[in-house]
N, C-alpha and C. Protein backbone atom coordinates (compact mmCIF):
# COMPACT_ATOMS: atom_id res chain seq x y z
N MET A 1 -22.08 -2.21 3.45
CA MET A 1 -20.87 -2.77 2.86
C MET A 1 -19.78 -2.79 3.95
N LYS A 2 -19.13 -3.90 4.08
CA LYS A 2 -18.12 -4.07 5.13
C LYS A 2 -16.75 -3.59 4.64
N MET A 3 -15.84 -3.41 5.60
CA MET A 3 -14.51 -2.86 5.32
C MET A 3 -13.73 -3.64 4.26
N PRO A 4 -13.69 -5.00 4.30
CA PRO A 4 -12.91 -5.69 3.26
C PRO A 4 -13.43 -5.42 1.84
N TRP A 5 -14.73 -5.28 1.70
CA TRP A 5 -15.30 -5.02 0.38
C TRP A 5 -14.95 -3.61 -0.11
N ILE A 6 -14.97 -2.65 0.81
CA ILE A 6 -14.59 -1.29 0.45
C ILE A 6 -13.11 -1.26 0.06
N ALA A 7 -12.28 -1.90 0.88
CA ALA A 7 -10.84 -1.94 0.58
C ALA A 7 -10.58 -2.66 -0.73
N LEU A 8 -11.31 -3.74 -1.01
CA LEU A 8 -11.14 -4.48 -2.26
C LEU A 8 -11.51 -3.61 -3.46
N SER A 9 -12.60 -2.86 -3.34
CA SER A 9 -13.01 -1.96 -4.43
C SER A 9 -11.94 -0.90 -4.69
N LEU A 10 -11.44 -0.30 -3.61
CA LEU A 10 -10.38 0.71 -3.76
C LEU A 10 -9.11 0.10 -4.33
N LEU A 11 -8.76 -1.08 -3.85
CA LEU A 11 -7.55 -1.76 -4.33
C LEU A 11 -7.65 -2.06 -5.82
N LEU A 12 -8.79 -2.57 -6.26
CA LEU A 12 -8.96 -2.87 -7.69
C LEU A 12 -8.89 -1.61 -8.54
N ALA A 13 -9.57 -0.56 -8.10
CA ALA A 13 -9.55 0.70 -8.86
C ALA A 13 -8.13 1.27 -8.91
N PHE A 14 -7.46 1.28 -7.77
CA PHE A 14 -6.10 1.81 -7.70
C PHE A 14 -5.14 0.98 -8.55
N THR A 15 -5.27 -0.34 -8.49
CA THR A 15 -4.38 -1.22 -9.25
C THR A 15 -4.60 -1.05 -10.75
N LEU A 16 -5.85 -0.98 -11.17
CA LEU A 16 -6.14 -0.79 -12.60
C LEU A 16 -5.61 0.57 -13.08
N TYR A 17 -5.82 1.60 -12.29
CA TYR A 17 -5.33 2.92 -12.69
C TYR A 17 -3.81 2.96 -12.72
N THR A 18 -3.18 2.36 -11.73
CA THR A 18 -1.72 2.31 -11.68
C THR A 18 -1.16 1.55 -12.88
N GLY A 19 -1.75 0.41 -13.19
CA GLY A 19 -1.31 -0.37 -14.35
C GLY A 19 -1.46 0.41 -15.64
N TRP A 20 -2.58 1.10 -15.78
CA TRP A 20 -2.82 1.89 -16.99
C TRP A 20 -1.81 3.02 -17.10
N THR A 21 -1.58 3.75 -16.01
CA THR A 21 -0.64 4.86 -16.09
C THR A 21 0.79 4.39 -16.33
N MET A 22 1.16 3.24 -15.76
CA MET A 22 2.50 2.71 -16.01
C MET A 22 2.65 2.24 -17.45
N ALA A 23 1.56 1.75 -18.04
CA ALA A 23 1.61 1.28 -19.42
C ALA A 23 1.78 2.42 -20.42
N ILE A 24 1.22 3.59 -20.10
CA ILE A 24 1.30 4.71 -21.03
C ILE A 24 2.40 5.70 -20.68
N ALA A 25 3.10 5.46 -19.58
CA ALA A 25 4.12 6.41 -19.11
C ALA A 25 5.30 6.48 -20.08
N ASP A 26 5.87 7.66 -20.19
CA ASP A 26 7.04 7.89 -21.04
C ASP A 26 8.35 7.60 -20.31
N GLN A 27 8.28 7.35 -19.01
CA GLN A 27 9.48 7.11 -18.23
C GLN A 27 9.25 5.97 -17.24
N SER A 28 10.34 5.46 -16.71
CA SER A 28 10.23 4.36 -15.75
C SER A 28 9.75 4.90 -14.41
N LEU A 29 9.33 3.98 -13.55
CA LEU A 29 8.88 4.35 -12.21
C LEU A 29 10.02 5.00 -11.43
N LEU A 30 11.22 4.49 -11.59
CA LEU A 30 12.39 5.05 -10.91
C LEU A 30 12.69 6.47 -11.40
N ALA A 31 12.64 6.67 -12.71
CA ALA A 31 12.88 8.00 -13.28
C ALA A 31 11.83 8.99 -12.79
N PHE A 32 10.59 8.53 -12.71
CA PHE A 32 9.51 9.39 -12.21
C PHE A 32 9.77 9.77 -10.76
N GLY A 33 10.18 8.79 -9.94
CA GLY A 33 10.46 9.07 -8.54
C GLY A 33 11.58 10.06 -8.37
N LEU A 34 12.63 9.91 -9.15
CA LEU A 34 13.76 10.84 -9.08
C LEU A 34 13.35 12.25 -9.51
N GLU A 35 12.48 12.31 -10.52
CA GLU A 35 11.99 13.61 -10.97
C GLU A 35 11.14 14.28 -9.88
N MET A 36 10.37 13.48 -9.15
CA MET A 36 9.56 14.02 -8.06
C MET A 36 10.43 14.62 -6.96
N LEU A 37 11.62 14.06 -6.76
CA LEU A 37 12.51 14.54 -5.71
C LEU A 37 13.37 15.73 -6.16
N ALA A 38 13.23 16.15 -7.40
CA ALA A 38 14.06 17.22 -7.94
C ALA A 38 13.59 18.62 -7.52
N ARG A 39 12.34 18.73 -7.04
CA ARG A 39 11.79 20.04 -6.67
C ARG A 39 11.31 19.99 -5.22
N PRO A 40 11.47 21.08 -4.49
CA PRO A 40 11.06 21.08 -3.07
C PRO A 40 9.57 20.81 -2.85
N ASP A 41 8.71 21.33 -3.72
CA ASP A 41 7.27 21.13 -3.51
C ASP A 41 6.86 19.69 -3.70
N THR A 42 7.38 19.04 -4.73
CA THR A 42 7.03 17.63 -4.93
C THR A 42 7.78 16.72 -3.95
N THR A 43 8.96 17.13 -3.53
CA THR A 43 9.68 16.37 -2.51
C THR A 43 8.87 16.34 -1.22
N GLN A 44 8.26 17.46 -0.87
CA GLN A 44 7.43 17.52 0.34
C GLN A 44 6.28 16.53 0.24
N MET A 45 5.66 16.43 -0.93
CA MET A 45 4.56 15.48 -1.12
C MET A 45 5.04 14.04 -0.97
N VAL A 46 6.21 13.73 -1.53
CA VAL A 46 6.77 12.38 -1.42
C VAL A 46 7.08 12.06 0.03
N ILE A 47 7.68 13.00 0.75
CA ILE A 47 7.97 12.77 2.17
C ILE A 47 6.69 12.54 2.95
N ASP A 48 5.67 13.34 2.71
CA ASP A 48 4.38 13.20 3.38
C ASP A 48 3.77 11.83 3.08
N LEU A 49 3.81 11.43 1.83
CA LEU A 49 3.26 10.14 1.42
C LEU A 49 3.97 8.99 2.12
N TYR A 50 5.30 9.04 2.17
CA TYR A 50 6.04 7.95 2.79
C TYR A 50 5.99 7.98 4.31
N LEU A 51 5.75 9.14 4.91
CA LEU A 51 5.47 9.17 6.35
C LEU A 51 4.19 8.40 6.66
N MET A 52 3.17 8.64 5.86
CA MET A 52 1.91 7.91 6.05
C MET A 52 2.10 6.42 5.75
N ALA A 53 2.90 6.10 4.75
CA ALA A 53 3.19 4.70 4.45
C ALA A 53 3.90 4.03 5.61
N GLY A 54 4.83 4.76 6.23
CA GLY A 54 5.53 4.22 7.40
C GLY A 54 4.58 3.96 8.55
N LEU A 55 3.65 4.88 8.77
CA LEU A 55 2.65 4.66 9.82
C LEU A 55 1.76 3.46 9.50
N ALA A 56 1.41 3.31 8.24
CA ALA A 56 0.61 2.14 7.83
C ALA A 56 1.39 0.85 8.05
N CYS A 57 2.69 0.87 7.77
CA CYS A 57 3.53 -0.31 8.01
C CYS A 57 3.58 -0.66 9.49
N LEU A 58 3.74 0.35 10.33
CA LEU A 58 3.72 0.11 11.78
C LEU A 58 2.39 -0.48 12.22
N TRP A 59 1.30 0.06 11.68
CA TRP A 59 -0.02 -0.47 12.02
C TRP A 59 -0.15 -1.93 11.60
N MET A 60 0.29 -2.27 10.38
CA MET A 60 0.19 -3.65 9.91
C MET A 60 1.00 -4.59 10.78
N VAL A 61 2.21 -4.20 11.15
CA VAL A 61 3.06 -5.04 12.00
C VAL A 61 2.40 -5.24 13.37
N ASN A 62 1.94 -4.14 13.99
CA ASN A 62 1.29 -4.24 15.29
C ASN A 62 0.00 -5.05 15.23
N ASP A 63 -0.76 -4.87 14.17
CA ASP A 63 -2.00 -5.62 14.01
C ASP A 63 -1.72 -7.11 13.87
N ALA A 64 -0.74 -7.45 13.05
CA ALA A 64 -0.39 -8.86 12.86
C ALA A 64 0.09 -9.47 14.18
N ARG A 65 0.90 -8.74 14.92
CA ARG A 65 1.37 -9.26 16.22
C ARG A 65 0.22 -9.45 17.20
N SER A 66 -0.77 -8.56 17.16
CA SER A 66 -1.91 -8.70 18.07
C SER A 66 -2.74 -9.94 17.75
N TYR A 67 -2.64 -10.42 16.52
CA TYR A 67 -3.31 -11.66 16.12
C TYR A 67 -2.39 -12.87 16.23
N GLY A 68 -1.18 -12.66 16.77
CA GLY A 68 -0.25 -13.76 16.95
C GLY A 68 0.50 -14.17 15.70
N ARG A 69 0.51 -13.29 14.70
CA ARG A 69 1.23 -13.58 13.46
C ARG A 69 2.63 -13.01 13.53
N SER A 70 3.53 -13.59 12.76
CA SER A 70 4.93 -13.16 12.77
C SER A 70 5.13 -11.98 11.82
N LEU A 71 6.29 -11.36 11.95
CA LEU A 71 6.67 -10.27 11.05
C LEU A 71 6.77 -10.77 9.61
N VAL A 72 7.20 -12.01 9.44
CA VAL A 72 7.34 -12.59 8.10
C VAL A 72 5.99 -12.62 7.38
N SER A 73 4.90 -12.81 8.11
CA SER A 73 3.57 -12.85 7.48
C SER A 73 3.16 -11.49 6.92
N VAL A 74 3.76 -10.42 7.42
CA VAL A 74 3.42 -9.07 6.98
C VAL A 74 4.41 -8.56 5.94
N LEU A 75 5.53 -9.22 5.80
CA LEU A 75 6.60 -8.76 4.91
C LEU A 75 6.14 -8.48 3.48
N PRO A 76 5.33 -9.34 2.84
CA PRO A 76 4.89 -9.02 1.47
C PRO A 76 4.12 -7.69 1.39
N TYR A 77 3.30 -7.41 2.40
CA TYR A 77 2.53 -6.17 2.41
C TYR A 77 3.45 -4.95 2.61
N LEU A 78 4.49 -5.13 3.40
CA LEU A 78 5.45 -4.05 3.62
C LEU A 78 6.22 -3.73 2.34
N VAL A 79 6.61 -4.78 1.61
CA VAL A 79 7.32 -4.57 0.34
C VAL A 79 6.42 -3.87 -0.67
N ILE A 80 5.19 -4.31 -0.77
CA ILE A 80 4.24 -3.67 -1.69
C ILE A 80 4.03 -2.21 -1.30
N THR A 81 3.98 -1.93 0.01
CA THR A 81 3.81 -0.56 0.48
C THR A 81 4.99 0.31 0.09
N VAL A 82 6.20 -0.22 0.17
CA VAL A 82 7.38 0.56 -0.20
C VAL A 82 7.33 0.95 -1.68
N VAL A 83 6.83 0.05 -2.52
CA VAL A 83 6.81 0.32 -3.97
C VAL A 83 5.56 1.08 -4.40
N PHE A 84 4.39 0.62 -3.96
CA PHE A 84 3.13 1.18 -4.45
C PHE A 84 2.30 1.87 -3.37
N VAL A 85 2.87 2.10 -2.22
CA VAL A 85 2.30 2.80 -1.06
C VAL A 85 0.90 2.30 -0.67
N SER A 86 -0.14 2.78 -1.26
CA SER A 86 -1.50 2.46 -0.82
C SER A 86 -1.90 1.00 -1.04
N ALA A 87 -1.32 0.37 -2.02
CA ALA A 87 -1.72 -1.01 -2.35
C ALA A 87 -1.41 -1.98 -1.22
N GLY A 88 -0.30 -1.79 -0.50
CA GLY A 88 0.06 -2.70 0.58
C GLY A 88 -0.95 -2.73 1.71
N PRO A 89 -1.26 -1.58 2.32
CA PRO A 89 -2.27 -1.59 3.38
C PRO A 89 -3.66 -2.01 2.89
N LEU A 90 -4.04 -1.60 1.69
CA LEU A 90 -5.34 -2.02 1.17
C LEU A 90 -5.41 -3.54 1.02
N LEU A 91 -4.36 -4.14 0.48
CA LEU A 91 -4.33 -5.59 0.33
C LEU A 91 -4.36 -6.27 1.70
N TYR A 92 -3.63 -5.73 2.66
CA TYR A 92 -3.62 -6.28 4.02
C TYR A 92 -5.03 -6.26 4.61
N ILE A 93 -5.73 -5.14 4.47
CA ILE A 93 -7.10 -5.03 4.98
C ILE A 93 -8.02 -6.05 4.31
N VAL A 94 -7.87 -6.21 3.01
CA VAL A 94 -8.71 -7.18 2.27
C VAL A 94 -8.45 -8.59 2.76
N VAL A 95 -7.19 -9.00 2.78
CA VAL A 95 -6.85 -10.37 3.17
C VAL A 95 -7.24 -10.64 4.61
N ARG A 96 -6.89 -9.72 5.50
CA ARG A 96 -7.22 -9.91 6.93
C ARG A 96 -8.72 -9.91 7.14
N GLY A 97 -9.43 -9.02 6.47
CA GLY A 97 -10.89 -8.93 6.63
C GLY A 97 -11.59 -10.20 6.19
N PHE A 98 -11.21 -10.74 5.05
CA PHE A 98 -11.85 -11.96 4.58
C PHE A 98 -11.41 -13.17 5.39
N ALA A 99 -10.17 -13.17 5.90
CA ALA A 99 -9.70 -14.26 6.77
C ALA A 99 -10.49 -14.24 8.08
N ASP A 100 -10.73 -13.04 8.62
CA ASP A 100 -11.51 -12.93 9.86
C ASP A 100 -12.93 -13.44 9.66
N LYS A 101 -13.52 -13.12 8.51
CA LYS A 101 -14.89 -13.60 8.21
C LYS A 101 -14.91 -15.13 8.13
N ARG A 102 -13.89 -15.70 7.51
CA ARG A 102 -13.83 -17.14 7.34
C ARG A 102 -13.67 -17.85 8.70
N ASN A 103 -12.89 -17.22 9.58
CA ASN A 103 -12.62 -17.82 10.90
C ASN A 103 -13.76 -17.63 11.89
N ALA A 104 -14.66 -16.68 11.58
CA ALA A 104 -15.77 -16.40 12.52
C ALA A 104 -16.88 -17.41 12.43
C-alpha cells in the first residue's frame, strides 16, 4: 500500500470520528479549546500538538516550493491544519501523492 492510500485511510477515519464527536458534543469547538487551555497539563498537550502542526506547515510550504508551487497553493491545507491539525497534512499528502501518480 502506497503513502497516499495510507494517508487517505487515516484522513477518512479521522474525519468521520471528528464529525461524529462534534455532532454529539455538548459544547462548541471554541469552548472545548478554551477549556483545554484552562489547566497546565492539557495546555501542555495543546502546545505540543500545535508545535507539531507548525512543523507540518513548514514541511508543506517547503515541499510545495520544491515542486515549484506557490504559497497560495498550500494555503487551504494550512488553514485546515490550524483548525483540525492532522487533517491538513493528511489531505496534503493525499492530494500531492495522487497528483504525483497522475503526472508520472
